[in-house]
Each structure stands twice: as C-alpha cells, then as structure tokens.
Amino acid sequence: MSVQMILLPLFVHVAVLLRAVKSTEVTADGLRAGLAALLFYALTTLALFTRKADLIFVVLAWIFVLLRMGAAFPHLLSAEARGRISLGSSGFDLASLAVLAIMWVLFALAILLNI
C-alpha cells in the first residue's frame, strides 16, 4: 500500500473530528471519541512505520472513519435540526470501537507472528 492510501482515512477523520469538535461540548462521549481517535492515529502511525498496513488495514480504517462520521453527523447539524433528527449515534460508536479493536488485534498478531 502506498503512504497516501494508508494516511487518507486518517486525514479524513481529522477533518471530520475538527468540524465536530467546534460544534460540541466536552462530554464523556466526546472524551471516549477522542481516545478512540488517539488510538486510531497511533495505530496508523505504527502500521505505517512497521510496514504492516495492507489492504485489510486500509479497508478497516475506512470503515472506522465512516462509522465515526455517522456518529458525528448529528453534531454537525444545527441545534434545530438536531432536535428533529434523533439518530442513535451510540450504535455507530460501538461499531467503530469494535472495528478499532479488530484493527489492533490484527496489528498485534501481524507483529507478534511476523506475518
């Protein structure tokens, strides 16, 4: 995989995160999302550095970013629109955390088993 392909999901996630941060207050959900973002950035950096970022990694990274975008969508809307649309972002949160956990497990196995 090229460096651009590996880092593109990270850049998209940063852009979405910066947009969402401007429109939300600090909550437990926000802190959990920030921790997930930190773990995603660290994993992407480690996978790139160790050359363990393959097609599966990039696909899972895109799935993670799309799920985070789904979770952030209600926060990107105006306060009036947010009141009309009640999307359950907790499903997106849990799914994105599950994808992130899978990514970490696959990375750890790739490192430990030298695959």
PDB file of N, CA and C in Angstrom:
ATOM      1  N   MET A   1       0.831  -1.182   0.000  1.00  0.00           N
ATOM      2  CA  MET A   1       0.000   0.000   0.000  1.00  0.00           C
ATOM      3  C   MET A   1       0.879   1.249   0.000  1.00  0.00           C
ATOM      4  N   SER A   2       0.408   2.247  -0.701  1.00  0.00           N
ATOM      5  CA  SER A   2       1.151   3.499  -0.724  1.00  0.00           C
ATOM      6  C   SER A   2       0.889   4.292   0.556  1.00  0.00           C
ATOM      7  N   VAL A   3       1.803   5.176   0.855  1.00  0.00           N
ATOM      8  CA  VAL A   3       1.663   6.011   2.051  1.00  0.00           C
ATOM      9  C   VAL A   3       0.384   6.847   1.959  1.00  0.00           C
ATOM     10  N   GLN A   4       0.083   7.360   0.784  1.00  0.00           N
ATOM     11  CA  GLN A   4      -1.113   8.177   0.603  1.00  0.00           C
ATOM     12  C   GLN A   4      -2.379   7.375   0.906  1.00  0.00           C
ATOM     13  N   MET A   5      -2.443   6.148   0.436  1.00  0.00           N
ATOM     14  CA  MET A   5      -3.624   5.320   0.665  1.00  0.00           C
ATOM     15  C   MET A   5      -3.775   4.970   2.144  1.00  0.00           C
ATOM     16  N   ILE A   6      -2.669   4.774   2.831  1.00  0.00           N
ATOM     17  CA  ILE A   6      -2.708   4.433   4.250  1.00  0.00           C
ATOM     18  C   ILE A   6      -3.143   5.634   5.084  1.00  0.00           C
ATOM     19  N   LEU A   7      -2.654   6.813   4.734  1.00  0.00           N
ATOM     20  CA  LEU A   7      -2.930   8.013   5.544  1.00  0.00           C
ATOM     21  C   LEU A   7      -4.218   8.738   5.171  1.00  0.00           C
ATOM     22  N   LEU A   8      -4.801   8.470   4.003  1.00  0.00           N
ATOM     23  CA  LEU A   8      -6.006   9.179   3.582  1.00  0.00           C
ATOM     24  C   LEU A   8      -7.162   9.024   4.573  1.00  0.00           C
ATOM     25  N   PRO A   9      -7.466   7.811   5.091  1.00  0.00           N
ATOM     26  CA  PRO A   9      -8.543   7.733   6.094  1.00  0.00           C
ATOM     27  C   PRO A   9      -8.243   8.568   7.339  1.00  0.00           C
ATOM     28  N   LEU A  10      -6.991   8.627   7.732  1.00  0.00           N
ATOM     29  CA  LEU A  10      -6.610   9.422   8.899  1.00  0.00           C
ATOM     30  C   LEU A  10      -6.863  10.903   8.639  1.00  0.00           C
ATOM     31  N   PHE A  11      -6.510  11.391   7.456  1.00  0.00           N
ATOM     32  CA  PHE A  11      -6.730  12.800   7.130  1.00  0.00           C
ATOM     33  C   PHE A  11      -8.225  13.135   7.105  1.00  0.00           C
ATOM     34  N   VAL A  12      -9.026  12.231   6.538  1.00  0.00           N
ATOM     35  CA  VAL A  12     -10.479  12.453   6.504  1.00  0.00           C
ATOM     36  C   VAL A  12     -11.030  12.476   7.926  1.00  0.00           C
ATOM     37  N   HIS A  13     -10.550  11.567   8.773  1.00  0.00           N
ATOM     38  CA  HIS A  13     -11.016  11.527  10.152  1.00  0.00           C
ATOM     39  C   HIS A  13     -10.651  12.809  10.891  1.00  0.00           C
ATOM     40  N   VAL A  14      -9.471  13.316  10.688  1.00  0.00           N
ATOM     41  CA  VAL A  14      -9.051  14.570  11.329  1.00  0.00           C
ATOM     42  C   VAL A  14      -9.973  15.706  10.897  1.00  0.00           C
ATOM     43  N   ALA A  15     -10.294  15.775   9.614  1.00  0.00           N
ATOM     44  CA  ALA A  15     -11.165  16.839   9.121  1.00  0.00           C
ATOM     45  C   ALA A  15     -12.547  16.759   9.759  1.00  0.00           C
ATOM     46  N   VAL A  16     -13.106  15.551   9.847  1.00  0.00           N
ATOM     47  CA  VAL A  16     -14.424  15.376  10.464  1.00  0.00           C
ATOM     48  C   VAL A  16     -14.357  15.691  11.951  1.00  0.00           C
ATOM     49  N   LEU A  17     -13.310  15.230  12.615  1.00  0.00           N
ATOM     50  CA  LEU A  17     -13.157  15.461  14.046  1.00  0.00           C
ATOM     51  C   LEU A  17     -13.051  16.953  14.346  1.00  0.00           C
ATOM     52  N   LEU A  18     -12.280  17.685  13.555  1.00  0.00           N
ATOM     53  CA  LEU A  18     -12.140  19.119  13.778  1.00  0.00           C
ATOM     54  C   LEU A  18     -13.465  19.834  13.588  1.00  0.00           C
ATOM     55  N   ARG A  19     -14.238  19.411  12.610  1.00  0.00           N
ATOM     56  CA  ARG A  19     -15.552  20.017  12.372  1.00  0.00           C
ATOM     57  C   ARG A  19     -16.493  19.710  13.539  1.00  0.00           C
ATOM     58  N   ALA A  20     -16.475  18.478  14.031  1.00  0.00           N
ATOM     59  CA  ALA A  20     -17.366  18.075  15.120  1.00  0.00           C
ATOM     60  C   ALA A  20     -16.969  18.732  16.439  1.00  0.00           C
ATOM     61  N   VAL A  21     -15.677  18.909  16.665  1.00  0.00           N
ATOM     62  CA  VAL A  21     -15.202  19.499  17.923  1.00  0.00           C
ATOM     63  C   VAL A  21     -15.687  20.938  18.063  1.00  0.00           C
ATOM     64  N   LYS A  22     -15.762  21.660  16.959  1.00  0.00           N
ATOM     65  CA  LYS A  22     -16.205  23.047  17.020  1.00  0.00           C
ATOM     66  C   LYS A  22     -17.654  23.161  17.459  1.00  0.00           C
ATOM     67  N   SER A  23     -18.450  22.119  17.222  1.00  0.00           N
ATOM     68  CA  SER A  23     -19.879  22.246  17.483  1.00  0.00           C
ATOM     69  C   SER A  23     -20.370  21.450  18.684  1.00  0.00           C
ATOM     70  N   THR A  24     -19.482  20.880  19.472  1.00  0.00           N
ATOM     71  CA  THR A  24     -19.936  20.089  20.623  1.00  0.00           C
ATOM     72  C   THR A  24     -19.223  20.538  21.884  1.00  0.00           C
ATOM     73  N   GLU A  25     -19.822  20.204  22.999  1.00  0.00           N
ATOM     74  CA  GLU A  25     -19.182  20.482  24.278  1.00  0.00           C
ATOM     75  C   GLU A  25     -18.475  19.217  24.759  1.00  0.00           C
ATOM     76  N   VAL A  26     -17.651  19.351  25.770  1.00  0.00           N
ATOM     77  CA  VAL A  26     -16.905  18.212  26.285  1.00  0.00           C
ATOM     78  C   VAL A  26     -17.836  17.359  27.140  1.00  0.00           C
ATOM     79  N   THR A  27     -17.980  16.094  26.742  1.00  0.00           N
ATOM     80  CA  THR A  27     -18.799  15.132  27.474  1.00  0.00           C
ATOM     81  C   THR A  27     -18.021  13.831  27.578  1.00  0.00           C
ATOM     82  N   ALA A  28     -18.584  12.867  28.293  1.00  0.00           N
ATOM     83  CA  ALA A  28     -17.947  11.549  28.383  1.00  0.00           C
ATOM     84  C   ALA A  28     -17.880  10.905  27.007  1.00  0.00           C
ATOM     85  N   ASP A  29     -18.941  11.076  26.209  1.00  0.00           N
ATOM     86  CA  ASP A  29     -18.932  10.526  24.856  1.00  0.00           C
ATOM     87  C   ASP A  29     -17.841  11.183  24.019  1.00  0.00           C
ATOM     88  N   GLY A  30     -17.668  12.487  24.197  1.00  0.00           N
ATOM     89  CA  GLY A  30     -16.639  13.195  23.456  1.00  0.00           C
ATOM     90  C   GLY A  30     -15.243  12.737  23.844  1.00  0.00           C
ATOM     91  N   LEU A  31     -15.052  12.500  25.145  1.00  0.00           N
ATOM     92  CA  LEU A  31     -13.748  12.015  25.605  1.00  0.00           C
ATOM     93  C   LEU A  31     -13.469  10.607  25.077  1.00  0.00           C
ATOM     94  N   ARG A  32     -14.505   9.752  25.052  1.00  0.00           N
ATOM     95  CA  ARG A  32     -14.340   8.402  24.517  1.00  0.00           C
ATOM     96  C   ARG A  32     -14.009   8.461  23.028  1.00  0.00           C
ATOM     97  N   ALA A  33     -14.664   9.349  22.301  1.00  0.00           N
ATOM     98  CA  ALA A  33     -14.383   9.515  20.879  1.00  0.00           C
ATOM     99  C   ALA A  33     -12.962  10.035  20.668  1.00  0.00           C
ATOM    100  N   GLY A  34     -12.528  10.940  21.554  1.00  0.00           N
ATOM    101  CA  GLY A  34     -11.160  11.456  21.455  1.00  0.00           C
ATOM    102  C   GLY A  34     -10.123  10.378  21.721  1.00  0.00           C
ATOM    103  N   LEU A  35     -10.406   9.508  22.680  1.00  0.00           N
ATOM    104  CA  LEU A  35      -9.496   8.403  22.966  1.00  0.00           C
ATOM    105  C   LEU A  35      -9.451   7.431  21.792  1.00  0.00           C
ATOM    106  N   ALA A  36     -10.611   7.163  21.196  1.00  0.00           N
ATOM    107  CA  ALA A  36     -10.651   6.292  20.021  1.00  0.00           C
ATOM    108  C   ALA A  36      -9.835   6.908  18.885  1.00  0.00           C
ATOM    109  N   ALA A  37      -9.961   8.227  18.716  1.00  0.00           N
ATOM    110  CA  ALA A  37      -9.195   8.905  17.672  1.00  0.00           C
ATOM    111  C   ALA A  37      -7.696   8.780  17.934  1.00  0.00           C
ATOM    112  N   LEU A  38      -7.300   8.969  19.178  1.00  0.00           N
ATOM    113  CA  LEU A  38      -5.890   8.855  19.539  1.00  0.00           C
ATOM    114  C   LEU A  38      -5.372   7.443  19.247  1.00  0.00           C
ATOM    115  N   LEU A  39      -6.141   6.436  19.616  1.00  0.00           N
ATOM    116  CA  LEU A  39      -5.739   5.051  19.345  1.00  0.00           C
ATOM    117  C   LEU A  39      -5.678   4.768  17.842  1.00  0.00           C
ATOM    118  N   PHE A  40      -6.602   5.344  17.082  1.00  0.00           N
ATOM    119  CA  PHE A  40      -6.593   5.184  15.624  1.00  0.00           C
ATOM    120  C   PHE A  40      -5.344   5.831  15.021  1.00  0.00           C
ATOM    121  N   TYR A  41      -5.014   7.034  15.470  1.00  0.00           N
ATOM    122  CA  TYR A  41      -3.828   7.718  14.954  1.00  0.00           C
ATOM    123  C   TYR A  41      -2.557   6.955  15.304  1.00  0.00           C
ATOM    124  N   ALA A  42      -2.471   6.484  16.538  1.00  0.00           N
ATOM    125  CA  ALA A  42      -1.295   5.721  16.958  1.00  0.00           C
ATOM    126  C   ALA A  42      -1.162   4.443  16.138  1.00  0.00           C
ATOM    127  N   LEU A  43      -2.274   3.747  15.939  1.00  0.00           N
ATOM    128  CA  LEU A  43      -2.241   2.507  15.168  1.00  0.00           C
ATOM    129  C   LEU A  43      -1.822   2.761  13.728  1.00  0.00           C
ATOM    130  N   THR A  44      -2.361   3.805  13.127  1.00  0.00           N
ATOM    131  CA  THR A  44      -1.996   4.129  11.745  1.00  0.00           C
ATOM    132  C   THR A  44      -0.508   4.439  11.645  1.00  0.00           C
ATOM    133  N   THR A  45       0.004   5.198  12.586  1.00  0.00           N
ATOM    134  CA  THR A  45       1.430   5.530  12.591  1.00  0.00           C
ATOM    135  C   THR A  45       2.280   4.273  12.754  1.00  0.00           C
ATOM    136  N   LEU A  46       1.908   3.433  13.703  1.00  0.00           N
ATOM    137  CA  LEU A  46       2.664   2.198  13.931  1.00  0.00           C
ATOM    138  C   LEU A  46       2.592   1.258  12.726  1.00  0.00           C
ATOM    139  N   ALA A  47       1.409   1.120  12.138  1.00  0.00           N
ATOM    140  CA  ALA A  47       1.255   0.238  10.980  1.00  0.00           C
ATOM    141  C   ALA A  47       2.071   0.746   9.797  1.00  0.00           C
ATOM    142  N   LEU A  48       2.107   2.042   9.613  1.00  0.00           N
ATOM    143  CA  LEU A  48       2.903   2.620   8.532  1.00  0.00           C
ATOM    144  C   LEU A  48       4.386   2.427   8.793  1.00  0.00           C
ATOM    145  N   PHE A  49       4.818   2.704  10.002  1.00  0.00           N
ATOM    146  CA  PHE A  49       6.225   2.599  10.372  1.00  0.00           C
ATOM    147  C   PHE A  49       6.741   1.159  10.271  1.00  0.00           C
ATOM    148  N   THR A  50       5.909   0.198  10.683  1.00  0.00           N
ATOM    149  CA  THR A  50       6.327  -1.202  10.671  1.00  0.00           C
ATOM    150  C   THR A  50       6.020  -1.901   9.351  1.00  0.00           C
ATOM    151  N   ARG A  51       5.432  -1.174   8.434  1.00  0.00           N
ATOM    152  CA  ARG A  51       5.061  -1.707   7.116  1.00  0.00           C
ATOM    153  C   ARG A  51       4.067  -2.860   7.224  1.00  0.00           C
ATOM    154  N   LYS A  52       3.162  -2.766   8.185  1.00  0.00           N
ATOM    155  CA  LYS A  52       2.121  -3.780   8.370  1.00  0.00           C
ATOM    156  C   LYS A  52       0.763  -3.286   7.862  1.00  0.00           C
ATOM    157  N   ALA A  53       0.732  -2.128   7.246  1.00  0.00           N
ATOM    158  CA  ALA A  53      -0.522  -1.597   6.708  1.00  0.00           C
ATOM    159  C   ALA A  53      -0.750  -2.210   5.326  1.00  0.00           C
ATOM    160  N   ASP A  54      -1.743  -3.087   5.242  1.00  0.00           N
ATOM    161  CA  ASP A  54      -2.068  -3.732   3.985  1.00  0.00           C
ATOM    162  C   ASP A  54      -3.476  -3.328   3.565  1.00  0.00           C
ATOM    163  N   LEU A  55      -4.009  -4.019   2.579  1.00  0.00           N
ATOM    164  CA  LEU A  55      -5.343  -3.685   2.079  1.00  0.00           C
ATOM    165  C   LEU A  55      -6.404  -3.851   3.162  1.00  0.00           C
ATOM    166  N   ILE A  56      -6.296  -4.894   3.958  1.00  0.00           N
ATOM    167  CA  ILE A  56      -7.265  -5.119   5.043  1.00  0.00           C
ATOM    168  C   ILE A  56      -7.222  -3.963   6.033  1.00  0.00           C
ATOM    169  N   PHE A  57      -6.023  -3.490   6.365  1.00  0.00           N
ATOM    170  CA  PHE A  57      -5.878  -2.360   7.280  1.00  0.00           C
ATOM    171  C   PHE A  57      -6.575  -1.127   6.719  1.00  0.00           C
ATOM    172  N   VAL A  58      -6.336  -0.838   5.443  1.00  0.00           N
ATOM    173  CA  VAL A  58      -6.915   0.367   4.837  1.00  0.00           C
ATOM    174  C   VAL A  58      -8.439   0.258   4.762  1.00  0.00           C
ATOM    175  N   VAL A  59      -8.955  -0.911   4.422  1.00  0.00           N
ATOM    176  CA  VAL A  59     -10.415  -1.092   4.375  1.00  0.00           C
ATOM    177  C   VAL A  59     -11.018  -0.906   5.768  1.00  0.00           C
ATOM    178  N   LEU A  60     -10.406  -1.512   6.781  1.00  0.00           N
ATOM    179  CA  LEU A  60     -10.901  -1.341   8.151  1.00  0.00           C
ATOM    180  C   LEU A  60     -10.779   0.111   8.611  1.00  0.00           C
ATOM    181  N   ALA A  61      -9.726   0.795   8.198  1.00  0.00           N
ATOM    182  CA  ALA A  61      -9.571   2.211   8.549  1.00  0.00           C
ATOM    183  C   ALA A  61     -10.709   3.038   7.956  1.00  0.00           C
ATOM    184  N   TRP A  62     -11.069   2.752   6.705  1.00  0.00           N
ATOM    185  CA  TRP A  62     -12.180   3.472   6.083  1.00  0.00           C
ATOM    186  C   TRP A  62     -13.502   3.154   6.774  1.00  0.00           C
ATOM    187  N   ILE A  63     -13.699   1.902   7.151  1.00  0.00           N
ATOM    188  CA  ILE A  63     -14.917   1.543   7.874  1.00  0.00           C
ATOM    189  C   ILE A  63     -14.983   2.301   9.195  1.00  0.00           C
ATOM    190  N   PHE A  64     -13.856   2.359   9.916  1.00  0.00           N
ATOM    191  CA  PHE A  64     -13.792   3.109  11.176  1.00  0.00           C
ATOM    192  C   PHE A  64     -14.163   4.573  10.944  1.00  0.00           C
ATOM    193  N   VAL A  65     -13.557   5.184   9.939  1.00  0.00           N
ATOM    194  CA  VAL A  65     -13.802   6.610   9.671  1.00  0.00           C
ATOM    195  C   VAL A  65     -15.264   6.845   9.287  1.00  0.00           C
ATOM    196  N   LEU A  66     -15.825   5.987   8.459  1.00  0.00           N
ATOM    197  CA  LEU A  66     -17.228   6.154   8.059  1.00  0.00           C
ATOM    198  C   LEU A  66     -18.169   5.992   9.256  1.00  0.00           C
ATOM    199  N   LEU A  67     -17.866   5.054  10.133  1.00  0.00           N
ATOM    200  CA  LEU A  67     -18.675   4.896  11.346  1.00  0.00           C
ATOM    201  C   LEU A  67     -18.545   6.111  12.254  1.00  0.00           C
ATOM    202  N   ARG A  68     -17.344   6.671  12.387  1.00  0.00           N
ATOM    203  CA  ARG A  68     -17.159   7.877  13.199  1.00  0.00           C
ATOM    204  C   ARG A  68     -17.903   9.054  12.575  1.00  0.00           C
ATOM    205  N   MET A  69     -17.925   9.121  11.230  1.00  0.00           N
ATOM    206  CA  MET A  69     -18.681  10.181  10.559  1.00  0.00           C
ATOM    207  C   MET A  69     -20.175  10.024  10.851  1.00  0.00           C
ATOM    208  N   GLY A  70     -20.655   8.779  10.856  1.00  0.00           N
ATOM    209  CA  GLY A  70     -22.055   8.535  11.195  1.00  0.00           C
ATOM    210  C   GLY A  70     -22.372   8.957  12.612  1.00  0.00           C
ATOM    211  N   ALA A  71     -21.444   8.707  13.533  1.00  0.00           N
ATOM    212  CA  ALA A  71     -21.644   9.111  14.929  1.00  0.00           C
ATOM    213  C   ALA A  71     -21.595  10.626  15.078  1.00  0.00           C
ATOM    214  N   ALA A  72     -20.789  11.288  14.267  1.00  0.00           N
ATOM    215  CA  ALA A  72     -20.624  12.746  14.378  1.00  0.00           C
ATOM    216  C   ALA A  72     -21.706  13.505  13.630  1.00  0.00           C
ATOM    217  N   PHE A  73     -22.428  12.843  12.726  1.00  0.00           N
ATOM    218  CA  PHE A  73     -23.399  13.526  11.884  1.00  0.00           C
ATOM    219  C   PHE A  73     -24.390  14.396  12.658  1.00  0.00           C
ATOM    220  N   PRO A  74     -25.034  13.877  13.716  1.00  0.00           N
ATOM    221  CA  PRO A  74     -25.986  14.739  14.442  1.00  0.00           C
ATOM    222  C   PRO A  74     -25.341  15.994  15.026  1.00  0.00           C
ATOM    223  N   HIS A  75     -24.077  15.915  15.399  1.00  0.00           N
ATOM    224  CA  HIS A  75     -23.389  17.060  15.997  1.00  0.00           C
ATOM    225  C   HIS A  75     -23.014  18.107  14.954  1.00  0.00           C
ATOM    226  N   LEU A  76     -22.992  17.706  13.688  1.00  0.00           N
ATOM    227  CA  LEU A  76     -22.636  18.633  12.628  1.00  0.00           C
ATOM    228  C   LEU A  76     -23.829  19.463  12.180  1.00  0.00           C
ATOM    229  N   LEU A  77     -25.018  19.041  12.567  1.00  0.00           N
ATOM    230  CA  LEU A  77     -26.228  19.759  12.200  1.00  0.00           C
ATOM    231  C   LEU A  77     -26.462  20.933  13.138  1.00  0.00           C
ATOM    232  N   SER A  78     -27.323  21.829  12.729  1.00  0.00           N
ATOM    233  CA  SER A  78     -27.685  22.935  13.605  1.00  0.00           C
ATOM    234  C   SER A  78     -28.475  22.396  14.796  1.00  0.00           C
ATOM    235  N   ALA A  79     -28.582  23.182  15.847  1.00  0.00           N
ATOM    236  CA  ALA A  79     -29.294  22.750  17.052  1.00  0.00           C
ATOM    237  C   ALA A  79     -30.750  22.434  16.731  1.00  0.00           C
ATOM    238  N   GLU A  80     -31.353  23.211  15.855  1.00  0.00           N
ATOM    239  CA  GLU A  80     -32.751  22.979  15.480  1.00  0.00           C
ATOM    240  C   GLU A  80     -32.903  21.655  14.721  1.00  0.00           C
ATOM    241  N   ALA A  81     -32.014  21.410  13.791  1.00  0.00           N
ATOM    242  CA  ALA A  81     -32.071  20.159  13.021  1.00  0.00           C
ATOM    243  C   ALA A  81     -31.766  18.964  13.905  1.00  0.00           C
ATOM    244  N   ARG A  82     -30.847  19.127  14.865  1.00  0.00           N
ATOM    245  CA  ARG A  82     -30.512  18.048  15.795  1.00  0.00           C
ATOM    246  C   ARG A  82     -31.734  17.618  16.594  1.00  0.00           C
ATOM    247  N   GLY A  83     -32.574  18.576  16.965  1.00  0.00           N
ATOM    248  CA  GLY A  83     -33.776  18.264  17.718  1.00  0.00           C
ATOM    249  C   GLY A  83     -34.768  17.449  16.902  1.00  0.00           C
ATOM    250  N   ARG A  84     -34.823  17.697  15.598  1.00  0.00           N
ATOM    251  CA  ARG A  84     -35.753  16.962  14.732  1.00  0.00           C
ATOM    252  C   ARG A  84     -35.235  15.574  14.379  1.00  0.00           C
ATOM    253  N   ILE A  85     -33.910  15.422  14.261  1.00  0.00           N
ATOM    254  CA  ILE A  85     -33.328  14.143  13.866  1.00  0.00           C
ATOM    255  C   ILE A  85     -32.713  13.499  15.098  1.00  0.00           C
ATOM    256  N   SER A  86     -33.257  12.395  15.496  1.00  0.00           N
ATOM    257  CA  SER A  86     -32.686  11.708  16.654  1.00  0.00           C
ATOM    258  C   SER A  86     -32.042  10.413  16.179  1.00  0.00           C
ATOM    259  N   LEU A  87     -30.840  10.515  15.706  1.00  0.00           N
ATOM    260  CA  LEU A  87     -30.098   9.341  15.268  1.00  0.00           C
ATOM    261  C   LEU A  87     -29.370   8.758  16.461  1.00  0.00           C
ATOM    262  N   GLY A  88     -29.450   7.462  16.621  1.00  0.00           N
ATOM    263  CA  GLY A  88     -28.744   6.812  17.721  1.00  0.00           C
ATOM    264  C   GLY A  88     -27.279   6.659  17.376  1.00  0.00           C
ATOM    265  N   SER A  89     -26.463   7.593  17.789  1.00  0.00           N
ATOM    266  CA  SER A  89     -25.045   7.541  17.454  1.00  0.00           C
ATOM    267  C   SER A  89     -24.300   6.516  18.294  1.00  0.00           C
ATOM    268  N   SER A  90     -24.932   6.009  19.363  1.00  0.00           N
ATOM    269  CA  SER A  90     -24.238   5.036  20.193  1.00  0.00           C
ATOM    270  C   SER A  90     -23.970   3.752  19.427  1.00  0.00           C
ATOM    271  N   GLY A  91     -24.844   3.394  18.497  1.00  0.00           N
ATOM    272  CA  GLY A  91     -24.602   2.224  17.646  1.00  0.00           C
ATOM    273  C   GLY A  91     -23.376   2.424  16.781  1.00  0.00           C
ATOM    274  N   PHE A  92     -23.235   3.617  16.231  1.00  0.00           N
ATOM    275  CA  PHE A  92     -22.056   3.940  15.439  1.00  0.00           C
ATOM    276  C   PHE A  92     -20.797   3.924  16.306  1.00  0.00           C
ATOM    277  N   ASP A  93     -20.933   4.455  17.538  1.00  0.00           N
ATOM    278  CA  ASP A  93     -19.795   4.475  18.460  1.00  0.00           C
ATOM    279  C   ASP A  93     -19.314   3.062  18.769  1.00  0.00           C
ATOM    280  N   LEU A  94     -20.248   2.194  19.134  1.00  0.00           N
ATOM    281  CA  LEU A  94     -19.877   0.820  19.473  1.00  0.00           C
ATOM    282  C   LEU A  94     -19.284   0.086  18.272  1.00  0.00           C
ATOM    283  N   ALA A  95     -19.871   0.285  17.111  1.00  0.00           N
ATOM    284  CA  ALA A  95     -19.361  -0.373  15.905  1.00  0.00           C
ATOM    285  C   ALA A  95     -17.954   0.124  15.568  1.00  0.00           C
ATOM    286  N   SER A  96     -17.725   1.433  15.704  1.00  0.00           N
ATOM    287  CA  SER A  96     -16.397   1.968  15.391  1.00  0.00           C
ATOM    288  C   SER A  96     -15.355   1.460  16.389  1.00  0.00           C
ATOM    289  N   LEU A  97     -15.749   1.351  17.669  1.00  0.00           N
ATOM    290  CA  LEU A  97     -14.820   0.810  18.667  1.00  0.00           C
ATOM    291  C   LEU A  97     -14.521  -0.660  18.396  1.00  0.00           C
ATOM    292  N   ALA A  98     -15.523  -1.407  17.926  1.00  0.00           N
ATOM    293  CA  ALA A  98     -15.299  -2.817  17.579  1.00  0.00           C
ATOM    294  C   ALA A  98     -14.331  -2.938  16.407  1.00  0.00           C
ATOM    295  N   VAL A  99     -14.502  -2.094  15.403  1.00  0.00           N
ATOM    296  CA  VAL A  99     -13.591  -2.113  14.249  1.00  0.00           C
ATOM    297  C   VAL A  99     -12.184  -1.744  14.694  1.00  0.00           C
ATOM    298  N   LEU A 100     -12.061  -0.746  15.555  1.00  0.00           N
ATOM    299  CA  LEU A 100     -10.750  -0.339  16.053  1.00  0.00           C
ATOM    300  C   LEU A 100     -10.086  -1.471  16.839  1.00  0.00           C
ATOM    301  N   ALA A 101     -10.870  -2.173  17.643  1.00  0.00           N
ATOM    302  CA  ALA A 101     -10.329  -3.307  18.401  1.00  0.00           C
ATOM    303  C   ALA A 101      -9.842  -4.404  17.453  1.00  0.00           C
ATOM    304  N   ILE A 102     -10.604  -4.676  16.412  1.00  0.00           N
ATOM    305  CA  ILE A 102     -10.191  -5.674  15.417  1.00  0.00           C
ATOM    306  C   ILE A 102      -8.889  -5.242  14.751  1.00  0.00           C
ATOM    307  N   MET A 103      -8.791  -3.964  14.413  1.00  0.00           N
ATOM    308  CA  MET A 103      -7.566  -3.459  13.785  1.00  0.00           C
ATOM    309  C   MET A 103      -6.361  -3.663  14.697  1.00  0.00           C
ATOM    310  N   TRP A 104      -6.532  -3.365  15.999  1.00  0.00           N
ATOM    311  CA  TRP A 104      -5.432  -3.530  16.949  1.00  0.00           C
ATOM    312  C   TRP A 104      -5.041  -5.003  17.103  1.00  0.00           C
ATOM    313  N   VAL A 105      -6.044  -5.876  17.147  1.00  0.00           N
ATOM    314  CA  VAL A 105      -5.755  -7.314  17.279  1.00  0.00           C
ATOM    315  C   VAL A 105      -5.007  -7.822  16.051  1.00  0.00           C
ATOM    316  N   LEU A 106      -5.469  -7.449  14.864  1.00  0.00           N
ATOM    317  CA  LEU A 106      -4.787  -7.878  13.640  1.00  0.00           C
ATOM    318  C   LEU A 106      -3.363  -7.333  13.576  1.00  0.00           C
ATOM    319  N   PHE A 107      -3.178  -6.087  14.004  1.00  0.00           N
ATOM    320  CA  PHE A 107      -1.839  -5.497  14.015  1.00  0.00           C
ATOM    321  C   PHE A 107      -0.931  -6.227  14.990  1.00  0.00           C
ATOM    322  N   ALA A 108      -1.457  -6.495  16.188  1.00  0.00           N
ATOM    323  CA  ALA A 108      -0.654  -7.201  17.198  1.00  0.00           C
ATOM    324  C   ALA A 108      -0.268  -8.591  16.705  1.00  0.00           C
ATOM    325  N   LEU A 109      -1.212  -9.299  16.081  1.00  0.00           N
ATOM    326  CA  LEU A 109      -0.906 -10.630  15.553  1.00  0.00           C
ATOM    327  C   LEU A 109       0.136 -10.548  14.438  1.00  0.00           C
ATOM    328  N   ALA A 110       0.007  -9.539  13.585  1.00  0.00           N
ATOM    329  CA  ALA A 110       0.976  -9.373  12.488  1.00  0.00           C
ATOM    330  C   ALA A 110       2.382  -9.118  13.039  1.00  0.00           C
ATOM    331  N   ILE A 111       2.474  -8.346  14.099  1.00  0.00           N
ATOM    332  CA  ILE A 111       3.772  -8.053  14.712  1.00  0.00           C
ATOM    333  C   ILE A 111       4.302  -9.277  15.446  1.00  0.00           C
ATOM    334  N   LEU A 112       3.464  -9.882  16.280  1.00  0.00           N
ATOM    335  CA  LEU A 112       3.920 -10.998  17.123  1.00  0.00           C
ATOM    336  C   LEU A 112       4.217 -12.273  16.319  1.00  0.00           C
ATOM    337  N   LEU A 113       3.444 -12.501  15.267  1.00  0.00           N
ATOM    338  CA  LEU A 113       3.641 -13.695  14.452  1.00  0.00           C
ATOM    339  C   LEU A 113       4.497 -13.418  13.217  1.00  0.00           C
ATOM    340  N   ASN A 114       4.899 -12.165  13.068  1.00  0.00           N
ATOM    341  CA  ASN A 114       5.757 -11.741  11.957  1.00  0.00           C
ATOM    342  C   ASN A 114       5.154 -12.126  10.595  1.00  0.00           C
ATOM    343  N   ILE A 115       3.888 -11.793  10.435  1.00  0.00           N
ATOM    344  CA  ILE A 115       3.219 -12.085   9.170  1.00  0.00           C
ATOM    345  C   ILE A 115       3.294 -10.881   8.255  1.00  0.00           C
TER     346      ILE A 115
END
